[in-house]
Amino acid sequence: MMMFHVFWTVLLFLIFIGIIFWAFSGARKTSFDQASRMPLEDDDDPTIHKDRS
């Protein structure tokens, strides 16, 4: 039973490290930069800014 816990811990740690490398890889930089600017960009869709009065 102890071996199962060790295996599970190591597996989750490796998955975590993989996610960290994926998130900080250079290939993802452009899409993350674009996503970070989305809240600041003007929307051209008039249906989003409906007046609720």
PDB file of N, CA and C in Angstrom:
ATOM      1  N   MET A   1       0.822  -1.195   0.000  1.00  0.00           N
ATOM      2  CA  MET A   1       0.000   0.000   0.000  1.00  0.00           C
ATOM      3  C   MET A   1       0.871   1.267   0.000  1.00  0.00           C
ATOM      4  N   MET A   2       1.972   1.233   0.692  1.00  0.00           N
ATOM      5  CA  MET A   2       2.860   2.394   0.739  1.00  0.00           C
ATOM      6  C   MET A   2       3.442   2.681  -0.641  1.00  0.00           C
ATOM      7  N   MET A   3       3.715   1.656  -1.413  1.00  0.00           N
ATOM      8  CA  MET A   3       4.272   1.843  -2.753  1.00  0.00           C
ATOM      9  C   MET A   3       3.282   2.570  -3.661  1.00  0.00           C
ATOM     10  N   PHE A   4       1.996   2.307  -3.475  1.00  0.00           N
ATOM     11  CA  PHE A   4       0.957   2.984  -4.243  1.00  0.00           C
ATOM     12  C   PHE A   4       0.985   4.481  -3.958  1.00  0.00           C
ATOM     13  N   HIS A   5       1.119   4.868  -2.697  1.00  0.00           N
ATOM     14  CA  HIS A   5       1.163   6.279  -2.326  1.00  0.00           C
ATOM     15  C   HIS A   5       2.404   6.966  -2.898  1.00  0.00           C
ATOM     16  N   VAL A   6       3.518   6.288  -2.878  1.00  0.00           N
ATOM     17  CA  VAL A   6       4.749   6.853  -3.436  1.00  0.00           C
ATOM     18  C   VAL A   6       4.592   7.041  -4.941  1.00  0.00           C
ATOM     19  N   PHE A   7       4.069   6.035  -5.620  1.00  0.00           N
ATOM     20  CA  PHE A   7       3.855   6.118  -7.064  1.00  0.00           C
ATOM     21  C   PHE A   7       2.918   7.273  -7.400  1.00  0.00           C
ATOM     22  N   TRP A   8       1.810   7.385  -6.680  1.00  0.00           N
ATOM     23  CA  TRP A   8       0.820   8.418  -6.923  1.00  0.00           C
ATOM     24  C   TRP A   8       1.420   9.811  -6.704  1.00  0.00           C
ATOM     25  N   THR A   9       2.213   9.979  -5.659  1.00  0.00           N
ATOM     26  CA  THR A   9       2.844  11.258  -5.374  1.00  0.00           C
ATOM     27  C   THR A   9       3.834  11.639  -6.475  1.00  0.00           C
ATOM     28  N   VAL A  10       4.641  10.713  -6.894  1.00  0.00           N
ATOM     29  CA  VAL A  10       5.616  10.983  -7.952  1.00  0.00           C
ATOM     30  C   VAL A  10       4.902  11.304  -9.256  1.00  0.00           C
ATOM     31  N   LEU A  11       3.855  10.589  -9.581  1.00  0.00           N
ATOM     32  CA  LEU A  11       3.102  10.830 -10.808  1.00  0.00           C
ATOM     33  C   LEU A  11       2.492  12.229 -10.808  1.00  0.00           C
ATOM     34  N   LEU A  12       1.868  12.625  -9.722  1.00  0.00           N
ATOM     35  CA  LEU A  12       1.270  13.952  -9.652  1.00  0.00           C
ATOM     36  C   LEU A  12       2.324  15.052  -9.692  1.00  0.00           C
ATOM     37  N   PHE A  13       3.472  14.811  -9.089  1.00  0.00           N
ATOM     38  CA  PHE A  13       4.560  15.784  -9.138  1.00  0.00           C
ATOM     39  C   PHE A  13       5.062  15.948 -10.570  1.00  0.00           C
ATOM     40  N   LEU A  14       5.201  14.863 -11.298  1.00  0.00           N
ATOM     41  CA  LEU A  14       5.657  14.943 -12.689  1.00  0.00           C
ATOM     42  C   LEU A  14       4.637  15.651 -13.575  1.00  0.00           C
ATOM     43  N   ILE A  15       3.370  15.426 -13.322  1.00  0.00           N
ATOM     44  CA  ILE A  15       2.331  16.136 -14.066  1.00  0.00           C
ATOM     45  C   ILE A  15       2.403  17.627 -13.771  1.00  0.00           C
ATOM     46  N   PHE A  16       2.594  17.983 -12.503  1.00  0.00           N
ATOM     47  CA  PHE A  16       2.726  19.382 -12.118  1.00  0.00           C
ATOM     48  C   PHE A  16       3.911  20.036 -12.810  1.00  0.00           C
ATOM     49  N   ILE A  17       5.052  19.373 -12.820  1.00  0.00           N
ATOM     50  CA  ILE A  17       6.244  19.907 -13.484  1.00  0.00           C
ATOM     51  C   ILE A  17       5.991  20.056 -14.987  1.00  0.00           C
ATOM     52  N   GLY A  18       5.292  19.109 -15.582  1.00  0.00           N
ATOM     53  CA  GLY A  18       4.952  19.196 -17.003  1.00  0.00           C
ATOM     54  C   GLY A  18       4.084  20.398 -17.310  1.00  0.00           C
ATOM     55  N   ILE A  19       3.119  20.679 -16.448  1.00  0.00           N
ATOM     56  CA  ILE A  19       2.253  21.844 -16.646  1.00  0.00           C
ATOM     57  C   ILE A  19       3.060  23.132 -16.521  1.00  0.00           C
ATOM     58  N   ILE A  20       3.977  23.178 -15.577  1.00  0.00           N
ATOM     59  CA  ILE A  20       4.824  24.360 -15.411  1.00  0.00           C
ATOM     60  C   ILE A  20       5.653  24.599 -16.671  1.00  0.00           C
ATOM     61  N   PHE A  21       6.284  23.560 -17.209  1.00  0.00           N
ATOM     62  CA  PHE A  21       7.080  23.711 -18.435  1.00  0.00           C
ATOM     63  C   PHE A  21       6.207  24.121 -19.610  1.00  0.00           C
ATOM     64  N   TRP A  22       5.002  23.566 -19.688  1.00  0.00           N
ATOM     65  CA  TRP A  22       4.089  23.905 -20.780  1.00  0.00           C
ATOM     66  C   TRP A  22       3.689  25.381 -20.689  1.00  0.00           C
ATOM     67  N   ALA A  23       3.373  25.844 -19.486  1.00  0.00           N
ATOM     68  CA  ALA A  23       2.899  27.214 -19.313  1.00  0.00           C
ATOM     69  C   ALA A  23       3.990  28.240 -19.593  1.00  0.00           C
ATOM     70  N   PHE A  24       5.225  27.921 -19.237  1.00  0.00           N
ATOM     71  CA  PHE A  24       6.302  28.889 -19.412  1.00  0.00           C
ATOM     72  C   PHE A  24       7.144  28.641 -20.654  1.00  0.00           C
ATOM     73  N   SER A  25       6.706  27.762 -21.533  1.00  0.00           N
ATOM     74  CA  SER A  25       7.464  27.509 -22.751  1.00  0.00           C
ATOM     75  C   SER A  25       7.332  28.696 -23.702  1.00  0.00           C
ATOM     76  N   GLY A  26       8.313  28.892 -24.512  1.00  0.00           N
ATOM     77  CA  GLY A  26       8.310  30.010 -25.447  1.00  0.00           C
ATOM     78  C   GLY A  26       7.233  29.904 -26.499  1.00  0.00           C
ATOM     79  N   ALA A  27       6.811  28.707 -26.832  1.00  0.00           N
ATOM     80  CA  ALA A  27       5.796  28.515 -27.863  1.00  0.00           C
ATOM     81  C   ALA A  27       4.433  29.050 -27.422  1.00  0.00           C
ATOM     82  N   ARG A  28       4.175  29.110 -26.133  1.00  0.00           N
ATOM     83  CA  ARG A  28       2.891  29.574 -25.617  1.00  0.00           C
ATOM     84  C   ARG A  28       2.876  31.077 -25.353  1.00  0.00           C
ATOM     85  N   LYS A  29       4.015  31.731 -25.461  1.00  0.00           N
ATOM     86  CA  LYS A  29       4.116  33.145 -25.088  1.00  0.00           C
ATOM     87  C   LYS A  29       3.173  34.032 -25.899  1.00  0.00           C
ATOM     88  N   THR A  30       3.099  33.838 -27.189  1.00  0.00           N
ATOM     89  CA  THR A  30       2.260  34.713 -28.012  1.00  0.00           C
ATOM     90  C   THR A  30       0.780  34.557 -27.669  1.00  0.00           C
ATOM     91  N   SER A  31       0.325  33.343 -27.466  1.00  0.00           N
ATOM     92  CA  SER A  31      -1.090  33.163 -27.129  1.00  0.00           C
ATOM     93  C   SER A  31      -1.406  33.685 -25.733  1.00  0.00           C
ATOM     94  N   PHE A  32      -0.475  33.553 -24.791  1.00  0.00           N
ATOM     95  CA  PHE A  32      -0.701  34.090 -23.449  1.00  0.00           C
ATOM     96  C   PHE A  32      -0.665  35.619 -23.463  1.00  0.00           C
ATOM     97  N   ASP A  33       0.212  36.208 -24.265  1.00  0.00           N
ATOM     98  CA  ASP A  33       0.251  37.662 -24.383  1.00  0.00           C
ATOM     99  C   ASP A  33      -1.051  38.190 -24.982  1.00  0.00           C
ATOM    100  N   GLN A  34      -1.550  37.517 -25.974  1.00  0.00           N
ATOM    101  CA  GLN A  34      -2.806  37.912 -26.602  1.00  0.00           C
ATOM    102  C   GLN A  34      -3.958  37.783 -25.605  1.00  0.00           C
ATOM    103  N   ALA A  35      -3.999  36.718 -24.856  1.00  0.00           N
ATOM    104  CA  ALA A  35      -5.061  36.517 -23.874  1.00  0.00           C
ATOM    105  C   ALA A  35      -4.978  37.537 -22.741  1.00  0.00           C
ATOM    106  N   SER A  36      -3.784  37.959 -22.404  1.00  0.00           N
ATOM    107  CA  SER A  36      -3.646  38.943 -21.324  1.00  0.00           C
ATOM    108  C   SER A  36      -4.133  40.323 -21.733  1.00  0.00           C
ATOM    109  N   ARG A  37      -4.145  40.610 -23.031  1.00  0.00           N
ATOM    110  CA  ARG A  37      -4.618  41.908 -23.515  1.00  0.00           C
ATOM    111  C   ARG A  37      -6.118  41.929 -23.782  1.00  0.00           C
ATOM    112  N   MET A  38      -6.775  40.808 -23.801  1.00  0.00           N
ATOM    113  CA  MET A  38      -8.197  40.748 -24.150  1.00  0.00           C
ATOM    114  C   MET A  38      -9.092  41.638 -23.285  1.00  0.00           C
ATOM    115  N   PRO A  39      -8.924  41.680 -21.961  1.00  0.00           N
ATOM    116  CA  PRO A  39      -9.815  42.540 -21.168  1.00  0.00           C
ATOM    117  C   PRO A  39      -9.642  44.031 -21.455  1.00  0.00           C
ATOM    118  N   LEU A  40      -8.516  44.426 -22.001  1.00  0.00           N
ATOM    119  CA  LEU A  40      -8.241  45.837 -22.248  1.00  0.00           C
ATOM    120  C   LEU A  40      -8.656  46.304 -23.631  1.00  0.00           C
ATOM    121  N   GLU A  41      -8.954  45.386 -24.521  1.00  0.00           N
ATOM    122  CA  GLU A  41      -9.306  45.754 -25.889  1.00  0.00           C
ATOM    123  C   GLU A  41     -10.760  46.196 -25.973  1.00  0.00           C
ATOM    124  N   ASP A  42     -11.023  47.120 -26.894  1.00  0.00           N
ATOM    125  CA  ASP A  42     -12.390  47.582 -27.118  1.00  0.00           C
ATOM    126  C   ASP A  42     -13.171  46.511 -27.860  1.00  0.00           C
ATOM    127  N   ASP A  43     -14.421  46.365 -27.472  1.00  0.00           N
ATOM    128  CA  ASP A  43     -15.294  45.410 -28.146  1.00  0.00           C
ATOM    129  C   ASP A  43     -16.070  46.134 -29.232  1.00  0.00           C
ATOM    130  N   ASP A  44     -16.170  45.509 -30.382  1.00  0.00           N
ATOM    131  CA  ASP A  44     -16.928  46.082 -31.485  1.00  0.00           C
ATOM    132  C   ASP A  44     -18.364  45.579 -31.522  1.00  0.00           C
ATOM    133  N   ASP A  45     -18.701  44.623 -30.669  1.00  0.00           N
ATOM    134  CA  ASP A  45     -20.032  44.023 -30.658  1.00  0.00           C
ATOM    135  C   ASP A  45     -20.979  44.905 -29.836  1.00  0.00           C
ATOM    136  N   PRO A  46     -21.955  45.559 -30.472  1.00  0.00           N
ATOM    137  CA  PRO A  46     -22.851  46.456 -29.726  1.00  0.00           C
ATOM    138  C   PRO A  46     -23.809  45.714 -28.793  1.00  0.00           C
ATOM    139  N   THR A  47     -24.019  44.437 -28.995  1.00  0.00           N
ATOM    140  CA  THR A  47     -24.946  43.686 -28.139  1.00  0.00           C
ATOM    141  C   THR A  47     -24.371  43.426 -26.754  1.00  0.00           C
ATOM    142  N   ILE A  48     -23.071  43.569 -26.602  1.00  0.00           N
ATOM    143  CA  ILE A  48     -22.448  43.346 -25.302  1.00  0.00           C
ATOM    144  C   ILE A  48     -22.735  44.505 -24.361  1.00  0.00           C
ATOM    145  N   HIS A  49     -22.807  45.719 -24.893  1.00  0.00           N
ATOM    146  CA  HIS A  49     -22.970  46.923 -24.073  1.00  0.00           C
ATOM    147  C   HIS A  49     -24.422  47.403 -24.083  1.00  0.00           C
ATOM    148  N   LYS A  50     -25.339  46.536 -23.761  1.00  0.00           N
ATOM    149  CA  LYS A  50     -26.756  46.935 -23.730  1.00  0.00           C
ATOM    150  C   LYS A  50     -27.024  47.776 -22.493  1.00  0.00           C
ATOM    151  N   ASP A  51     -27.875  48.750 -22.683  1.00  0.00           N
ATOM    152  CA  ASP A  51     -28.286  49.593 -21.568  1.00  0.00           C
ATOM    153  C   ASP A  51     -29.382  48.864 -20.803  1.00  0.00           C
ATOM    154  N   ARG A  52     -29.229  48.725 -19.499  1.00  0.00           N
ATOM    155  CA  ARG A  52     -30.185  47.946 -18.698  1.00  0.00           C
ATOM    156  C   ARG A  52     -31.236  48.820 -18.042  1.00  0.00           C
ATOM    157  N   SER A  53     -31.378  50.056 -18.429  1.00  0.00           N
ATOM    158  CA  SER A  53     -32.357  50.922 -17.761  1.00  0.00           C
ATOM    159  C   SER A  53     -33.750  50.760 -18.309  1.00  0.00           C
TER     160      SER A  53
END
